[in-house]
Amino acid sequence: MKSILKKLDFFESLGWFGNIILSIGVIPQVVQTWKTHDVDSFNWPFLLMWAFGVLFTFIYIVNGDLKADKRQYPLWLNYMVNIVATFYLCYAKLIYS
């Protein structure tokens, strides 16, 4: 555990913090949509551009990480959470509209 903490420098810690905030930021909207089924304010262009934007960016990041033999796990966390969240919101828009 100590070796992991020693490896985190200031900027990596900043990356983790920022990506955790971005990951958590979408959760209230998902929970509200789950509870209320209210999707009237969502528009399809926004949802689809967001969903495919995060998916394609995640693929790009993973590909670059694999080629460079490094892992940017803060980015992976953010994009995986956002992929699941945005595709759920698209599903909800389709089902509840």
PDB file of N, CA and C in Angstrom:
ATOM      1  N   MET A   1       0.818  -1.196   0.000  1.00  0.00           N
ATOM      2  CA  MET A   1       0.000   0.000   0.000  1.00  0.00           C
ATOM      3  C   MET A   1       0.860   1.258   0.000  1.00  0.00           C
ATOM      4  N   LYS A   2       1.920   1.248   0.791  1.00  0.00           N
ATOM      5  CA  LYS A   2       2.797   2.417   0.837  1.00  0.00           C
ATOM      6  C   LYS A   2       3.436   2.679  -0.519  1.00  0.00           C
ATOM      7  N   SER A   3       3.793   1.602  -1.223  1.00  0.00           N
ATOM      8  CA  SER A   3       4.439   1.795  -2.523  1.00  0.00           C
ATOM      9  C   SER A   3       3.479   2.433  -3.526  1.00  0.00           C
ATOM     10  N   ILE A   4       2.201   2.115  -3.427  1.00  0.00           N
ATOM     11  CA  ILE A   4       1.215   2.729  -4.321  1.00  0.00           C
ATOM     12  C   ILE A   4       1.088   4.214  -4.011  1.00  0.00           C
ATOM     13  N   LEU A   5       1.012   4.553  -2.733  1.00  0.00           N
ATOM     14  CA  LEU A   5       0.877   5.952  -2.344  1.00  0.00           C
ATOM     15  C   LEU A   5       2.104   6.766  -2.717  1.00  0.00           C
ATOM     16  N   LYS A   6       3.284   6.161  -2.632  1.00  0.00           N
ATOM     17  CA  LYS A   6       4.503   6.874  -2.996  1.00  0.00           C
ATOM     18  C   LYS A   6       4.532   7.194  -4.484  1.00  0.00           C
ATOM     19  N   LYS A   7       3.919   6.335  -5.292  1.00  0.00           N
ATOM     20  CA  LYS A   7       3.939   6.529  -6.736  1.00  0.00           C
ATOM     21  C   LYS A   7       3.014   7.661  -7.194  1.00  0.00           C
ATOM     22  N   LEU A   8       2.050   8.030  -6.379  1.00  0.00           N
ATOM     23  CA  LEU A   8       1.130   9.095  -6.758  1.00  0.00           C
ATOM     24  C   LEU A   8       1.785  10.454  -6.543  1.00  0.00           C
ATOM     25  N   ASP A   9       2.049  11.157  -7.614  1.00  0.00           N
ATOM     26  CA  ASP A   9       2.569  12.511  -7.462  1.00  0.00           C
ATOM     27  C   ASP A   9       1.391  13.491  -7.443  1.00  0.00           C
ATOM     28  N   PHE A  10       1.687  14.747  -7.329  1.00  0.00           N
ATOM     29  CA  PHE A  10       0.649  15.763  -7.215  1.00  0.00           C
ATOM     30  C   PHE A  10      -0.301  15.740  -8.408  1.00  0.00           C
ATOM     31  N   PHE A  11       0.233  15.675  -9.614  1.00  0.00           N
ATOM     32  CA  PHE A  11      -0.604  15.759 -10.803  1.00  0.00           C
ATOM     33  C   PHE A  11      -1.435  14.497 -11.004  1.00  0.00           C
ATOM     34  N   GLU A  12      -0.891  13.348 -10.649  1.00  0.00           N
ATOM     35  CA  GLU A  12      -1.685  12.129 -10.730  1.00  0.00           C
ATOM     36  C   GLU A  12      -2.811  12.170  -9.701  1.00  0.00           C
ATOM     37  N   SER A  13      -2.509  12.679  -8.515  1.00  0.00           N
ATOM     38  CA  SER A  13      -3.552  12.836  -7.493  1.00  0.00           C
ATOM     39  C   SER A  13      -4.631  13.795  -7.980  1.00  0.00           C
ATOM     40  N   LEU A  14      -4.214  14.866  -8.626  1.00  0.00           N
ATOM     41  CA  LEU A  14      -5.158  15.824  -9.188  1.00  0.00           C
ATOM     42  C   LEU A  14      -6.037  15.155 -10.248  1.00  0.00           C
ATOM     43  N   GLY A  15      -5.429  14.316 -11.074  1.00  0.00           N
ATOM     44  CA  GLY A  15      -6.174  13.571 -12.087  1.00  0.00           C
ATOM     45  C   GLY A  15      -7.202  12.643 -11.471  1.00  0.00           C
ATOM     46  N   TRP A  16      -6.798  11.919 -10.439  1.00  0.00           N
ATOM     47  CA  TRP A  16      -7.730  11.038  -9.739  1.00  0.00           C
ATOM     48  C   TRP A  16      -8.889  11.842  -9.167  1.00  0.00           C
ATOM     49  N   PHE A  17      -8.579  12.940  -8.492  1.00  0.00           N
ATOM     50  CA  PHE A  17      -9.599  13.764  -7.859  1.00  0.00           C
ATOM     51  C   PHE A  17     -10.576  14.311  -8.901  1.00  0.00           C
ATOM     52  N   GLY A  18     -10.053  14.854  -9.972  1.00  0.00           N
ATOM     53  CA  GLY A  18     -10.905  15.403 -11.022  1.00  0.00           C
ATOM     54  C   GLY A  18     -11.786  14.358 -11.674  1.00  0.00           C
ATOM     55  N   ASN A  19     -11.232  13.199 -11.955  1.00  0.00           N
ATOM     56  CA  ASN A  19     -12.009  12.159 -12.613  1.00  0.00           C
ATOM     57  C   ASN A  19     -13.034  11.528 -11.688  1.00  0.00           C
ATOM     58  N   ILE A  20     -12.733  11.460 -10.409  1.00  0.00           N
ATOM     59  CA  ILE A  20     -13.730  10.974  -9.451  1.00  0.00           C
ATOM     60  C   ILE A  20     -14.897  11.956  -9.386  1.00  0.00           C
ATOM     61  N   ILE A  21     -14.592  13.249  -9.361  1.00  0.00           N
ATOM     62  CA  ILE A  21     -15.656  14.258  -9.351  1.00  0.00           C
ATOM     63  C   ILE A  21     -16.518  14.135 -10.611  1.00  0.00           C
ATOM     64  N   LEU A  22     -15.882  13.990 -11.769  1.00  0.00           N
ATOM     65  CA  LEU A  22     -16.643  13.848 -13.013  1.00  0.00           C
ATOM     66  C   LEU A  22     -17.481  12.571 -13.019  1.00  0.00           C
ATOM     67  N   SER A  23     -16.950  11.500 -12.454  1.00  0.00           N
ATOM     68  CA  SER A  23     -17.690  10.244 -12.391  1.00  0.00           C
ATOM     69  C   SER A  23     -18.894  10.361 -11.473  1.00  0.00           C
ATOM     70  N   ILE A  24     -18.701  10.984 -10.327  1.00  0.00           N
ATOM     71  CA  ILE A  24     -19.782  11.134  -9.358  1.00  0.00           C
ATOM     72  C   ILE A  24     -20.827  12.131  -9.866  1.00  0.00           C
ATOM     73  N   GLY A  25     -20.402  13.092 -10.656  1.00  0.00           N
ATOM     74  CA  GLY A  25     -21.292  14.150 -11.120  1.00  0.00           C
ATOM     75  C   GLY A  25     -22.502  13.667 -11.891  1.00  0.00           C
ATOM     76  N   VAL A  26     -22.393  12.562 -12.580  1.00  0.00           N
ATOM     77  CA  VAL A  26     -23.503  12.062 -13.390  1.00  0.00           C
ATOM     78  C   VAL A  26     -24.485  11.232 -12.558  1.00  0.00           C
ATOM     79  N   ILE A  27     -24.057  10.763 -11.411  1.00  0.00           N
ATOM     80  CA  ILE A  27     -24.879   9.851 -10.609  1.00  0.00           C
ATOM     81  C   ILE A  27     -26.199  10.484 -10.153  1.00  0.00           C
ATOM     82  N   PRO A  28     -26.223  11.733  -9.663  1.00  0.00           N
ATOM     83  CA  PRO A  28     -27.520  12.297  -9.265  1.00  0.00           C
ATOM     84  C   PRO A  28     -28.551  12.319 -10.398  1.00  0.00           C
ATOM     85  N   GLN A  29     -28.106  12.593 -11.619  1.00  0.00           N
ATOM     86  CA  GLN A  29     -29.043  12.599 -12.743  1.00  0.00           C
ATOM     87  C   GLN A  29     -29.566  11.200 -13.026  1.00  0.00           C
ATOM     88  N   VAL A  30     -28.698  10.210 -12.952  1.00  0.00           N
ATOM     89  CA  VAL A  30     -29.120   8.829 -13.178  1.00  0.00           C
ATOM     90  C   VAL A  30     -30.120   8.403 -12.103  1.00  0.00           C
ATOM     91  N   VAL A  31     -29.835   8.714 -10.848  1.00  0.00           N
ATOM     92  CA  VAL A  31     -30.731   8.342  -9.748  1.00  0.00           C
ATOM     93  C   VAL A  31     -32.083   9.039  -9.905  1.00  0.00           C
ATOM     94  N   GLN A  32     -32.062  10.325 -10.223  1.00  0.00           N
ATOM     95  CA  GLN A  32     -33.318  11.057 -10.402  1.00  0.00           C
ATOM     96  C   GLN A  32     -34.133  10.466 -11.547  1.00  0.00           C
ATOM     97  N   THR A  33     -33.470  10.137 -12.635  1.00  0.00           N
ATOM     98  CA  THR A  33     -34.167   9.547 -13.777  1.00  0.00           C
ATOM     99  C   THR A  33     -34.729   8.183 -13.414  1.00  0.00           C
ATOM    100  N   TRP A  34     -33.960   7.399 -12.677  1.00  0.00           N
ATOM    101  CA  TRP A  34     -34.394   6.071 -12.238  1.00  0.00           C
ATOM    102  C   TRP A  34     -35.663   6.183 -11.387  1.00  0.00           C
ATOM    103  N   LYS A  35     -35.679   7.144 -10.461  1.00  0.00           N
ATOM    104  CA  LYS A  35     -36.810   7.286  -9.534  1.00  0.00           C
ATOM    105  C   LYS A  35     -38.044   7.898 -10.194  1.00  0.00           C
ATOM    106  N   THR A  36     -37.848   8.934 -11.005  1.00  0.00           N
ATOM    107  CA  THR A  36     -38.987   9.698 -11.527  1.00  0.00           C
ATOM    108  C   THR A  36     -39.423   9.290 -12.935  1.00  0.00           C
ATOM    109  N   HIS A  37     -38.547   8.653 -13.662  1.00  0.00           N
ATOM    110  CA  HIS A  37     -38.777   8.306 -15.070  1.00  0.00           C
ATOM    111  C   HIS A  37     -39.013   9.549 -15.920  1.00  0.00           C
ATOM    112  N   ASP A  38     -38.599  10.702 -15.430  1.00  0.00           N
ATOM    113  CA  ASP A  38     -38.780  11.958 -16.156  1.00  0.00           C
ATOM    114  C   ASP A  38     -37.582  12.201 -17.076  1.00  0.00           C
ATOM    115  N   VAL A  39     -37.824  12.052 -18.358  1.00  0.00           N
ATOM    116  CA  VAL A  39     -36.760  12.241 -19.347  1.00  0.00           C
ATOM    117  C   VAL A  39     -37.122  13.311 -20.374  1.00  0.00           C
ATOM    118  N   ASP A  40     -38.166  14.062 -20.077  1.00  0.00           N
ATOM    119  CA  ASP A  40     -38.651  15.058 -21.038  1.00  0.00           C
ATOM    120  C   ASP A  40     -37.612  16.122 -21.372  1.00  0.00           C
ATOM    121  N   SER A  41     -36.780  16.466 -20.410  1.00  0.00           N
ATOM    122  CA  SER A  41     -35.805  17.537 -20.658  1.00  0.00           C
ATOM    123  C   SER A  41     -34.557  17.059 -21.400  1.00  0.00           C
ATOM    124  N   PHE A  42     -34.398  15.764 -21.569  1.00  0.00           N
ATOM    125  CA  PHE A  42     -33.243  15.247 -22.310  1.00  0.00           C
ATOM    126  C   PHE A  42     -33.539  15.332 -23.801  1.00  0.00           C
ATOM    127  N   ASN A  43     -32.563  15.786 -24.575  1.00  0.00           N
ATOM    128  CA  ASN A  43     -32.768  15.738 -26.016  1.00  0.00           C
ATOM    129  C   ASN A  43     -31.795  14.729 -26.620  1.00  0.00           C
ATOM    130  N   TRP A  44     -32.269  14.078 -27.670  1.00  0.00           N
ATOM    131  CA  TRP A  44     -31.501  12.997 -28.278  1.00  0.00           C
ATOM    132  C   TRP A  44     -30.126  13.423 -28.786  1.00  0.00           C
ATOM    133  N   PRO A  45     -29.992  14.552 -29.467  1.00  0.00           N
ATOM    134  CA  PRO A  45     -28.646  14.915 -29.934  1.00  0.00           C
ATOM    135  C   PRO A  45     -27.635  15.000 -28.792  1.00  0.00           C
ATOM    136  N   PHE A  46     -28.027  15.621 -27.681  1.00  0.00           N
ATOM    137  CA  PHE A  46     -27.126  15.717 -26.529  1.00  0.00           C
ATOM    138  C   PHE A  46     -26.767  14.333 -26.003  1.00  0.00           C
ATOM    139  N   LEU A  47     -27.776  13.505 -25.753  1.00  0.00           N
ATOM    140  CA  LEU A  47     -27.517  12.181 -25.186  1.00  0.00           C
ATOM    141  C   LEU A  47     -26.626  11.336 -26.092  1.00  0.00           C
ATOM    142  N   LEU A  48     -26.928  11.318 -27.373  1.00  0.00           N
ATOM    143  CA  LEU A  48     -26.154  10.480 -28.291  1.00  0.00           C
ATOM    144  C   LEU A  48     -24.733  11.001 -28.489  1.00  0.00           C
ATOM    145  N   MET A  49     -24.582  12.318 -28.582  1.00  0.00           N
ATOM    146  CA  MET A  49     -23.220  12.860 -28.718  1.00  0.00           C
ATOM    147  C   MET A  49     -22.408  12.602 -27.457  1.00  0.00           C
ATOM    148  N   TRP A  50     -23.025  12.734 -26.294  1.00  0.00           N
ATOM    149  CA  TRP A  50     -22.334  12.469 -25.032  1.00  0.00           C
ATOM    150  C   TRP A  50     -21.969  10.988 -24.943  1.00  0.00           C
ATOM    151  N   ALA A  51     -22.925  10.106 -25.206  1.00  0.00           N
ATOM    152  CA  ALA A  51     -22.688   8.668 -25.086  1.00  0.00           C
ATOM    153  C   ALA A  51     -21.570   8.206 -26.021  1.00  0.00           C
ATOM    154  N   PHE A  52     -21.672   8.558 -27.289  1.00  0.00           N
ATOM    155  CA  PHE A  52     -20.655   8.096 -28.231  1.00  0.00           C
ATOM    156  C   PHE A  52     -19.345   8.853 -28.074  1.00  0.00           C
ATOM    157  N   GLY A  53     -19.410  10.093 -27.635  1.00  0.00           N
ATOM    158  CA  GLY A  53     -18.181  10.843 -27.350  1.00  0.00           C
ATOM    159  C   GLY A  53     -17.355  10.193 -26.254  1.00  0.00           C
ATOM    160  N   VAL A  54     -18.003   9.818 -25.149  1.00  0.00           N
ATOM    161  CA  VAL A  54     -17.244   9.179 -24.065  1.00  0.00           C
ATOM    162  C   VAL A  54     -16.789   7.784 -24.466  1.00  0.00           C
ATOM    163  N   LEU A  55     -17.605   7.058 -25.228  1.00  0.00           N
ATOM    164  CA  LEU A  55     -17.207   5.723 -25.676  1.00  0.00           C
ATOM    165  C   LEU A  55     -15.981   5.792 -26.584  1.00  0.00           C
ATOM    166  N   PHE A  56     -16.017   6.644 -27.592  1.00  0.00           N
ATOM    167  CA  PHE A  56     -14.893   6.743 -28.527  1.00  0.00           C
ATOM    168  C   PHE A  56     -13.636   7.284 -27.851  1.00  0.00           C
ATOM    169  N   THR A  57     -13.802   8.235 -26.941  1.00  0.00           N
ATOM    170  CA  THR A  57     -12.646   8.762 -26.219  1.00  0.00           C
ATOM    171  C   THR A  57     -12.034   7.695 -25.331  1.00  0.00           C
ATOM    172  N   PHE A  58     -12.861   6.886 -24.692  1.00  0.00           N
ATOM    173  CA  PHE A  58     -12.351   5.795 -23.853  1.00  0.00           C
ATOM    174  C   PHE A  58     -11.555   4.797 -24.696  1.00  0.00           C
ATOM    175  N   ILE A  59     -12.072   4.442 -25.848  1.00  0.00           N
ATOM    176  CA  ILE A  59     -11.353   3.525 -26.740  1.00  0.00           C
ATOM    177  C   ILE A  59     -10.007   4.127 -27.132  1.00  0.00           C
ATOM    178  N   TYR A  60      -9.988   5.403 -27.455  1.00  0.00           N
ATOM    179  CA  TYR A  60      -8.751   6.097 -27.811  1.00  0.00           C
ATOM    180  C   TYR A  60      -7.745   6.065 -26.655  1.00  0.00           C
ATOM    181  N   ILE A  61      -8.203   6.349 -25.449  1.00  0.00           N
ATOM    182  CA  ILE A  61      -7.315   6.366 -24.281  1.00  0.00           C
ATOM    183  C   ILE A  61      -6.758   4.977 -24.001  1.00  0.00           C
ATOM    184  N   VAL A  62      -7.609   3.962 -24.023  1.00  0.00           N
ATOM    185  CA  VAL A  62      -7.149   2.593 -23.762  1.00  0.00           C
ATOM    186  C   VAL A  62      -6.154   2.161 -24.831  1.00  0.00           C
ATOM    187  N   ASN A  63      -6.437   2.448 -26.092  1.00  0.00           N
ATOM    188  CA  ASN A  63      -5.517   2.096 -27.169  1.00  0.00           C
ATOM    189  C   ASN A  63      -4.161   2.765 -26.965  1.00  0.00           C
ATOM    190  N   GLY A  64      -4.171   4.052 -26.649  1.00  0.00           N
ATOM    191  CA  GLY A  64      -2.918   4.766 -26.402  1.00  0.00           C
ATOM    192  C   GLY A  64      -2.169   4.217 -25.200  1.00  0.00           C
ATOM    193  N   ASP A  65      -2.902   3.888 -24.139  1.00  0.00           N
ATOM    194  CA  ASP A  65      -2.273   3.322 -22.946  1.00  0.00           C
ATOM    195  C   ASP A  65      -1.626   1.973 -23.250  1.00  0.00           C
ATOM    196  N   LEU A  66      -2.319   1.149 -24.017  1.00  0.00           N
ATOM    197  CA  LEU A  66      -1.768  -0.168 -24.345  1.00  0.00           C
ATOM    198  C   LEU A  66      -0.523  -0.043 -25.221  1.00  0.00           C
ATOM    199  N   LYS A  67      -0.535   0.883 -26.157  1.00  0.00           N
ATOM    200  CA  LYS A  67       0.639   1.095 -27.009  1.00  0.00           C
ATOM    201  C   LYS A  67       1.819   1.638 -26.216  1.00  0.00           C
ATOM    202  N   ALA A  68       1.539   2.509 -25.250  1.00  0.00           N
ATOM    203  CA  ALA A  68       2.605   3.135 -24.453  1.00  0.00           C
ATOM    204  C   ALA A  68       2.965   2.308 -23.224  1.00  0.00           C
ATOM    205  N   ASP A  69       2.270   1.193 -23.029  1.00  0.00           N
ATOM    206  CA  ASP A  69       2.486   0.322 -21.866  1.00  0.00           C
ATOM    207  C   ASP A  69       2.367   1.102 -20.550  1.00  0.00           C
ATOM    208  N   LYS A  70       1.317   1.909 -20.475  1.00  0.00           N
ATOM    209  CA  LYS A  70       1.009   2.620 -19.234  1.00  0.00           C
ATOM    210  C   LYS A  70      -0.502   2.583 -19.053  1.00  0.00           C
ATOM    211  N   ARG A  71      -0.949   2.874 -17.864  1.00  0.00           N
ATOM    212  CA  ARG A  71      -2.379   2.852 -17.582  1.00  0.00           C
ATOM    213  C   ARG A  71      -2.774   4.143 -16.881  1.00  0.00           C
ATOM    214  N   GLN A  72      -3.726   4.838 -17.452  1.00  0.00           N
ATOM    215  CA  GLN A  72      -4.250   6.060 -16.843  1.00  0.00           C
ATOM    216  C   GLN A  72      -5.587   5.715 -16.186  1.00  0.00           C
ATOM    217  N   TYR A  73      -5.506   5.016 -15.064  1.00  0.00           N
ATOM    218  CA  TYR A  73      -6.709   4.516 -14.415  1.00  0.00           C
ATOM    219  C   TYR A  73      -7.707   5.595 -14.008  1.00  0.00           C
ATOM    220  N   PRO A  74      -7.280   6.801 -13.631  1.00  0.00           N
ATOM    221  CA  PRO A  74      -8.291   7.823 -13.339  1.00  0.00           C
ATOM    222  C   PRO A  74      -9.195   8.109 -14.545  1.00  0.00           C
ATOM    223  N   LEU A  75      -8.595   8.166 -15.725  1.00  0.00           N
ATOM    224  CA  LEU A  75      -9.390   8.387 -16.931  1.00  0.00           C
ATOM    225  C   LEU A  75     -10.286   7.193 -17.222  1.00  0.00           C
ATOM    226  N   TRP A  76      -9.746   5.999 -17.028  1.00  0.00           N
ATOM    227  CA  TRP A  76     -10.536   4.793 -17.267  1.00  0.00           C
ATOM    228  C   TRP A  76     -11.781   4.796 -16.386  1.00  0.00           C
ATOM    229  N   LEU A  77     -11.599   5.118 -15.097  1.00  0.00           N
ATOM    230  CA  LEU A  77     -12.724   5.154 -14.160  1.00  0.00           C
ATOM    231  C   LEU A  77     -13.780   6.143 -14.636  1.00  0.00           C
ATOM    232  N   ASN A  78     -13.361   7.346 -14.941  1.00  0.00           N
ATOM    233  CA  ASN A  78     -14.296   8.378 -15.379  1.00  0.00           C
ATOM    234  C   ASN A  78     -15.069   7.930 -16.613  1.00  0.00           C
ATOM    235  N   TYR A  79     -14.373   7.453 -17.607  1.00  0.00           N
ATOM    236  CA  TYR A  79     -15.049   7.111 -18.848  1.00  0.00           C
ATOM    237  C   TYR A  79     -15.917   5.870 -18.707  1.00  0.00           C
ATOM    238  N   MET A  80     -15.511   4.891 -17.930  1.00  0.00           N
ATOM    239  CA  MET A  80     -16.360   3.712 -17.739  1.00  0.00           C
ATOM    240  C   MET A  80     -17.661   4.080 -17.031  1.00  0.00           C
ATOM    241  N   VAL A  81     -17.576   4.889 -15.987  1.00  0.00           N
ATOM    242  CA  VAL A  81     -18.787   5.322 -15.282  1.00  0.00           C
ATOM    243  C   VAL A  81     -19.679   6.127 -16.222  1.00  0.00           C
ATOM    244  N   ASN A  82     -19.091   7.043 -16.977  1.00  0.00           N
ATOM    245  CA  ASN A  82     -19.882   7.873 -17.881  1.00  0.00           C
ATOM    246  C   ASN A  82     -20.481   7.081 -19.038  1.00  0.00           C
ATOM    247  N   ILE A  83     -19.787   6.064 -19.508  1.00  0.00           N
ATOM    248  CA  ILE A  83     -20.344   5.212 -20.565  1.00  0.00           C
ATOM    249  C   ILE A  83     -21.600   4.516 -20.058  1.00  0.00           C
ATOM    250  N   VAL A  84     -21.505   3.899 -18.891  1.00  0.00           N
ATOM    251  CA  VAL A  84     -22.663   3.207 -18.321  1.00  0.00           C
ATOM    252  C   VAL A  84     -23.802   4.200 -18.076  1.00  0.00           C
ATOM    253  N   ALA A  85     -23.480   5.345 -17.493  1.00  0.00           N
ATOM    254  CA  ALA A  85     -24.506   6.338 -17.162  1.00  0.00           C
ATOM    255  C   ALA A  85     -25.189   6.885 -18.407  1.00  0.00           C
ATOM    256  N   THR A  86     -24.415   7.248 -19.409  1.00  0.00           N
ATOM    257  CA  THR A  86     -25.028   7.855 -20.591  1.00  0.00           C
ATOM    258  C   THR A  86     -25.846   6.850 -21.385  1.00  0.00           C
ATOM    259  N   PHE A  87     -25.372   5.618 -21.460  1.00  0.00           N
ATOM    260  CA  PHE A  87     -26.170   4.636 -22.177  1.00  0.00           C
ATOM    261  C   PHE A  87     -27.433   4.281 -21.394  1.00  0.00           C
ATOM    262  N   TYR A  88     -27.368   4.332 -20.050  1.00  0.00           N
ATOM    263  CA  TYR A  88     -28.595   4.160 -19.263  1.00  0.00           C
ATOM    264  C   TYR A  88     -29.565   5.307 -19.550  1.00  0.00           C
ATOM    265  N   LEU A  89     -29.069   6.533 -19.583  1.00  0.00           N
ATOM    266  CA  LEU A  89     -29.947   7.672 -19.845  1.00  0.00           C
ATOM    267  C   LEU A  89     -30.562   7.589 -21.247  1.00  0.00           C
ATOM    268  N   CYS A  90     -29.814   7.094 -22.216  1.00  0.00           N
ATOM    269  CA  CYS A  90     -30.375   6.871 -23.557  1.00  0.00           C
ATOM    270  C   CYS A  90     -31.467   5.806 -23.504  1.00  0.00           C
ATOM    271  N   TYR A  91     -31.197   4.735 -22.784  1.00  0.00           N
ATOM    272  CA  TYR A  91     -32.188   3.669 -22.607  1.00  0.00           C
ATOM    273  C   TYR A  91     -33.444   4.223 -21.934  1.00  0.00           C
ATOM    274  N   ALA A  92     -33.255   5.015 -20.871  1.00  0.00           N
ATOM    275  CA  ALA A  92     -34.387   5.595 -20.150  1.00  0.00           C
ATOM    276  C   ALA A  92     -35.196   6.514 -21.060  1.00  0.00           C
ATOM    277  N   LYS A  93     -34.513   7.312 -21.859  1.00  0.00           N
ATOM    278  CA  LYS A  93     -35.202   8.214 -22.793  1.00  0.00           C
ATOM    279  C   LYS A  93     -36.043   7.406 -23.773  1.00  0.00           C
ATOM    280  N   LEU A  94     -35.503   6.314 -24.248  1.00  0.00           N
ATOM    281  CA  LEU A  94     -36.218   5.459 -25.191  1.00  0.00           C
ATOM    282  C   LEU A  94     -37.432   4.806 -24.530  1.00  0.00           C
ATOM    283  N   ILE A  95     -37.268   4.299 -23.327  1.00  0.00           N
ATOM    284  CA  ILE A  95     -38.330   3.558 -22.640  1.00  0.00           C
ATOM    285  C   ILE A  95     -39.400   4.481 -22.051  1.00  0.00           C
ATOM    286  N   TYR A  96     -38.992   5.580 -21.419  1.00  0.00           N
ATOM    287  CA  TYR A  96     -39.930   6.422 -20.676  1.00  0.00           C
ATOM    288  C   TYR A  96     -40.541   7.558 -21.488  1.00  0.00           C
ATOM    289  N   SER A  97     -40.090   7.759 -22.712  1.00  0.00           N
ATOM    290  CA  SER A  97     -40.663   8.848 -23.539  1.00  0.00           C
ATOM    291  C   SER A  97     -42.002   8.429 -24.111  1.00  0.00           C
TER     292      SER A  97
END
